[in-house]
Structures are given as structure tokens and as C-alpha cells.
Amino acid sequence: MLQELIVVNAPCLERLRHHAPYKDKMHISIISAPKLKILGRLTDNISRLELGATVYKGLHTIRMATVMRTVKVLAIRLDNLGVHVIINLMKCFPCLEKLYIKTYIATKNMRLHNSQDHIECLDLHLKTIRIRYYSGEGSHLAFAKFFVLDASVLESIVLDVVPDKMRSDWWIENQRRQLQLEERASIGAQVDFTSDDCFDYLNDIQEFADSCE
């Protein structure tokens, strides 16, 4: 089982896709990959993630020193969804355009982000977000609402809902009200709810891989 991946000098590398099981505590280090566009799936179970001089433990920032402006597509798995984690990743990937998230646990409380902080990704680049296993409550709702209200050029949010949650049109309309769509930062942003009884990991990976075609 692979425990460590080190990219020392990869001048032509454009995609780095991590397929290992979620519980694998892998160490990933990317020293030089100047053309890297697609990265994932990063998880909060990674023992150490080094991107140049920037260091993460799991997906929590230990040291922020390097930004990777070439990365446009990022896929992550994060059990406890939190805006602060994603914001810190966006600071490392300021030109991110597409964000794919797989999550499970919806907690009651989520640390809020100071919307007065300038985040280049939110203001200028982020266009697409997809959240798998969205529950429509707690931290999941707060997370989606944050991007509705703060992502200035957002075009699409797709919320793949836990199947037993999306029972009626009333549920969807109630979600739309709670997301405050009438106050969205990007007037053209579309929010779509989907439901699938079988979220296939390999299909998800393929969709992620094809996202820049």
C-alpha cells in the first residue's frame, strides 16, 4: 500500500488523482508541478500534505507560504464540512474554478468566516461547486449558503442530496428559502438538487477527471 507520494519535478504534469481508500494516512508532497490543473481527491485523513512550502495536516493549514495559481479543479473529501478549511485551501489555490466535495456529517455548529476578508477565488474565479451527500441541515446548509452569498462569479451549485432527505417539492422550496437565493452574490448562479440512491465512487472520480475536457 502506497504510503508516500513525492512529486519533485514534473514540468508537464497537469492531473494528479489520488485513488487510495479514504482511511489511508498518506503523505503527499508536491515540490514542483508548474502546469498542475486538476488535483484530488484530497482528504482530511491525509497525514501530511506539502504544496511547495505550504504544509497541511489533513486539510488543516500548518504553514501557508506557497500558492498554486495553475490549479483550476479540486476534489476533496471532508467528513466535517467547514468553511474555514475550504477558505484556507482557496488561499493556496486562488484561481480555483471548480470544487467537488464529498462529505457526510452535518454538525449543528460551524465556525463562520469574516466575509470582509478578500478571497481572490471567491471574488474572481470560483464558478462551480458540487457537494455529495448534502443533508440540507446544520453545517451543510450553512456551507452552501456561504457560497451562495459570497461567491461573486458563481454559475452553478449542485447539491447531491442524501436520498431519504429529498422527499417533496416543499423540501426543495424550503431549502431555497433558507439558502437566501434572492440575495445571492452572483445573479446568474443556479442551484440544483439531485438525488441518487447509489453514489458510485468510480463514477464520481471519472466525472472529476472529465471536468476540464
Protein backbone atom coordinates (compact mmCIF):
# COMPACT_ATOMS: atom_id res chain seq x y z
CA MET A 1 0.00 0.00 0.00
CA LEU A 2 1.42 3.35 -1.06
CA GLN A 3 2.19 5.50 1.97
CA GLU A 4 4.08 8.40 0.43
CA LEU A 5 3.90 10.28 -2.86
CA ILE A 6 6.54 12.89 -3.69
CA VAL A 7 6.46 14.94 -6.89
CA VAL A 8 9.91 16.52 -7.10
CA ASN A 9 9.99 17.99 -10.61
CA ALA A 10 7.10 17.35 -13.00
CA PRO A 11 7.10 20.15 -15.61
CA CYS A 12 4.36 18.53 -17.74
CA LEU A 13 2.08 17.13 -15.01
CA GLU A 14 -1.47 18.51 -15.37
CA ARG A 15 -3.53 15.99 -13.34
CA LEU A 16 -2.84 14.34 -10.03
CA ARG A 17 -5.61 11.98 -8.91
CA HIS A 18 -5.34 10.21 -5.58
CA HIS A 19 -7.40 6.97 -5.61
CA ALA A 20 -6.37 5.40 -2.31
CA PRO A 21 -9.03 4.43 0.26
CA TYR A 22 -10.19 7.25 2.50
CA LYS A 23 -8.65 5.84 5.69
CA ASP A 24 -5.15 5.62 4.23
CA LYS A 25 -2.93 8.10 6.08
CA MET A 26 -0.84 9.06 3.09
CA HIS A 27 1.90 11.69 2.91
CA ILE A 28 1.75 13.76 -0.29
CA SER A 29 4.42 16.26 -1.29
CA ILE A 30 4.35 18.35 -4.47
CA ILE A 31 7.59 20.27 -4.78
CA SER A 32 7.35 21.41 -8.41
CA ALA A 33 4.47 20.91 -10.85
CA PRO A 34 4.12 24.23 -12.70
CA LYS A 35 1.33 23.05 -15.03
CA LEU A 36 -0.84 21.21 -12.50
CA LYS A 37 -4.53 21.95 -13.20
CA ILE A 38 -6.51 19.14 -11.54
CA LEU A 39 -5.86 17.85 -8.02
CA GLY A 40 -7.74 15.33 -5.88
CA ARG A 41 -9.15 13.61 -4.08
CA LEU A 42 -7.60 15.22 -1.03
CA THR A 43 -9.00 14.06 2.31
CA ASP A 44 -8.88 15.18 5.91
CA ASN A 45 -7.26 11.83 6.67
CA ILE A 46 -4.03 12.59 4.79
CA SER A 47 -1.25 12.54 7.37
CA ARG A 48 0.68 15.39 5.73
CA LEU A 49 0.19 17.43 2.56
CA GLU A 50 3.03 19.62 1.32
CA LEU A 51 2.47 22.01 -1.59
CA GLY A 52 5.78 23.76 -2.10
CA ALA A 53 6.41 25.42 1.26
CA THR A 54 2.75 25.23 2.32
CA VAL A 55 2.00 22.43 4.78
CA TYR A 56 -1.29 20.82 5.81
CA LYS A 57 -2.07 18.15 8.36
CA GLY A 58 -5.13 16.52 6.92
CA LEU A 59 -6.70 19.59 5.32
CA HIS A 60 -5.87 21.94 8.17
CA THR A 61 -3.20 24.55 7.49
CA ILE A 62 0.06 24.29 9.42
CA ARG A 63 2.04 26.76 7.31
CA MET A 64 0.90 28.90 4.37
CA ALA A 65 3.79 30.01 2.18
CA THR A 66 3.19 28.84 -1.41
CA VAL A 67 0.26 29.45 -3.74
CA MET A 68 -0.52 27.30 -6.80
CA ARG A 69 -2.27 29.53 -9.31
CA THR A 70 -2.41 26.87 -12.04
CA VAL A 71 -4.84 24.58 -10.16
CA LYS A 72 -8.36 25.07 -11.54
CA VAL A 73 -10.16 21.94 -10.31
CA LEU A 74 -10.03 20.48 -6.81
CA ALA A 75 -11.79 17.43 -5.36
CA ILE A 76 -11.82 16.78 -1.62
CA ARG A 77 -13.45 14.52 0.93
CA LEU A 78 -14.16 16.16 4.26
CA ASP A 79 -16.24 14.39 6.89
CA ASN A 80 -16.90 17.51 8.98
CA LEU A 81 -17.67 20.21 6.46
CA GLY A 82 -16.31 23.62 7.40
CA VAL A 83 -15.96 26.91 5.53
CA HIS A 84 -12.66 27.78 7.24
CA VAL A 85 -11.00 24.64 5.81
CA ILE A 86 -12.14 25.44 2.28
CA ILE A 87 -11.13 29.10 2.59
CA ASN A 88 -7.61 28.08 3.58
CA LEU A 89 -7.44 25.78 0.54
CA MET A 90 -8.64 28.62 -1.67
CA LYS A 91 -5.81 30.78 -0.40
CA CYS A 92 -3.42 28.11 -1.66
CA PHE A 93 -5.36 27.72 -4.94
CA PRO A 94 -6.51 31.30 -5.64
CA CYS A 95 -7.54 30.62 -9.26
CA LEU A 96 -9.75 27.63 -8.47
CA GLU A 97 -12.80 27.39 -10.76
CA LYS A 98 -14.40 24.04 -9.86
CA LEU A 99 -14.75 22.49 -6.41
CA TYR A 100 -16.02 18.94 -5.81
CA ILE A 101 -16.75 17.95 -2.22
CA LYS A 102 -17.81 14.64 -0.72
CA THR A 103 -18.99 14.94 2.89
CA TYR A 104 -21.15 13.03 5.35
CA ILE A 105 -21.52 14.55 8.80
CA ALA A 106 -23.71 17.63 9.26
CA THR A 107 -22.85 19.23 12.59
CA LYS A 108 -25.06 21.78 14.35
CA ASN A 109 -22.41 24.46 14.58
CA MET A 110 -19.91 25.73 12.04
CA ARG A 111 -17.28 28.39 12.52
CA LEU A 112 -18.25 31.42 10.43
CA HIS A 113 -15.96 33.24 8.03
CA ASN A 114 -15.44 37.00 8.10
CA SER A 115 -16.94 37.99 4.76
CA GLN A 116 -14.93 41.23 4.78
CA ASP A 117 -11.76 39.25 4.10
CA HIS A 118 -10.72 39.42 0.44
CA ILE A 119 -10.56 35.94 -1.11
CA GLU A 120 -9.49 36.14 -4.75
CA CYS A 121 -11.01 32.77 -5.61
CA LEU A 122 -14.45 33.79 -4.31
CA ASP A 123 -14.38 37.21 -5.92
CA LEU A 124 -13.00 36.36 -9.35
CA HIS A 125 -12.77 32.67 -10.23
CA LEU A 126 -14.98 30.08 -8.50
CA LYS A 127 -17.78 29.04 -10.89
CA THR A 128 -18.82 25.50 -9.99
CA ILE A 129 -19.42 23.66 -6.71
CA ARG A 130 -20.75 20.13 -6.26
CA ILE A 131 -21.46 18.70 -2.81
CA ARG A 132 -22.13 14.96 -2.40
CA TYR A 133 -24.28 13.65 0.46
CA TYR A 134 -25.79 17.04 1.20
CA SER A 135 -28.24 16.78 4.11
CA GLY A 136 -29.83 20.23 3.92
CA GLU A 137 -29.26 21.00 7.59
CA GLY A 138 -26.67 22.20 10.09
CA SER A 139 -23.19 22.76 8.72
CA HIS A 140 -24.19 21.53 5.24
CA LEU A 141 -26.83 24.23 4.87
CA ALA A 142 -24.56 26.92 6.32
CA PHE A 143 -21.74 25.89 3.98
CA ALA A 144 -23.86 26.05 0.83
CA LYS A 145 -25.42 29.33 1.95
CA PHE A 146 -21.98 30.87 2.43
CA PHE A 147 -21.09 30.30 -1.22
CA VAL A 148 -24.49 31.47 -2.46
CA LEU A 149 -23.99 34.78 -0.63
CA ASP A 150 -20.24 35.28 -1.14
CA ALA A 151 -19.10 33.73 -4.46
CA SER A 152 -19.31 36.65 -6.88
CA VAL A 153 -18.96 34.81 -10.21
CA LEU A 154 -20.59 31.51 -9.24
CA GLU A 155 -22.53 29.82 -12.04
CA SER A 156 -23.65 26.51 -10.54
CA ILE A 157 -24.07 24.72 -7.22
CA VAL A 158 -25.17 21.09 -7.47
CA LEU A 159 -26.31 19.56 -4.19
CA ASP A 160 -26.44 15.75 -4.29
CA VAL A 161 -28.92 15.12 -1.51
CA VAL A 162 -29.00 12.11 0.81
CA PRO A 163 -31.85 10.13 -0.85
CA ASP A 164 -34.17 9.90 2.15
CA LYS A 165 -33.92 13.67 2.76
CA MET A 166 -35.37 14.91 -0.51
CA ARG A 167 -38.93 13.77 -0.09
CA SER A 168 -41.00 16.55 -1.64
CA ASP A 169 -41.16 19.77 -3.62
CA TRP A 170 -41.82 21.51 -0.31
CA TRP A 171 -38.43 20.36 0.99
CA ILE A 172 -36.68 21.84 -2.05
CA GLU A 173 -38.56 25.13 -1.82
CA ASN A 174 -37.77 25.35 1.88
CA GLN A 175 -34.09 24.79 1.09
CA ARG A 176 -34.16 27.56 -1.49
CA ARG A 177 -35.60 29.95 1.07
CA GLN A 178 -33.01 29.03 3.68
CA LEU A 179 -30.20 29.43 1.15
CA GLN A 180 -31.43 33.01 0.57
CA LEU A 181 -31.18 32.71 -3.20
CA GLU A 182 -32.77 36.13 -3.67
CA GLU A 183 -29.64 37.61 -2.05
CA ARG A 184 -27.08 35.58 -3.99
CA ALA A 185 -23.83 37.34 -4.86
CA SER A 186 -23.88 36.11 -8.46
CA ILE A 187 -27.20 36.88 -10.12
CA GLY A 188 -26.68 34.08 -12.64
CA ALA A 189 -25.93 31.37 -10.08
CA GLN A 190 -28.09 28.25 -10.40
CA VAL A 191 -28.75 25.87 -7.50
CA ASP A 192 -29.78 22.33 -8.46
CA PHE A 193 -30.79 19.47 -6.17
CA THR A 194 -30.22 15.88 -7.24
CA SER A 195 -30.76 12.57 -5.50
CA ASP A 196 -29.19 9.21 -6.28
CA ASP A 197 -29.64 6.00 -4.33
CA CYS A 198 -26.12 4.92 -5.25
CA PHE A 199 -23.24 7.39 -5.20
CA ASP A 200 -20.63 5.47 -7.16
CA TYR A 201 -17.07 6.40 -6.20
CA LEU A 202 -15.56 5.46 -9.56
CA ASN A 203 -18.19 7.41 -11.49
CA ASP A 204 -17.54 10.38 -9.24
CA ILE A 205 -13.82 10.15 -9.97
CA GLN A 206 -14.49 9.93 -13.72
CA GLU A 207 -16.74 13.00 -13.62
CA PHE A 208 -14.00 14.81 -11.74
CA ALA A 209 -11.41 13.71 -14.31
CA ASP A 210 -13.55 14.85 -17.22
CA SER A 211 -14.40 18.22 -15.72
CA CYS A 212 -11.76 20.11 -17.67
CA GLU A 213 -12.27 18.38 -21.00
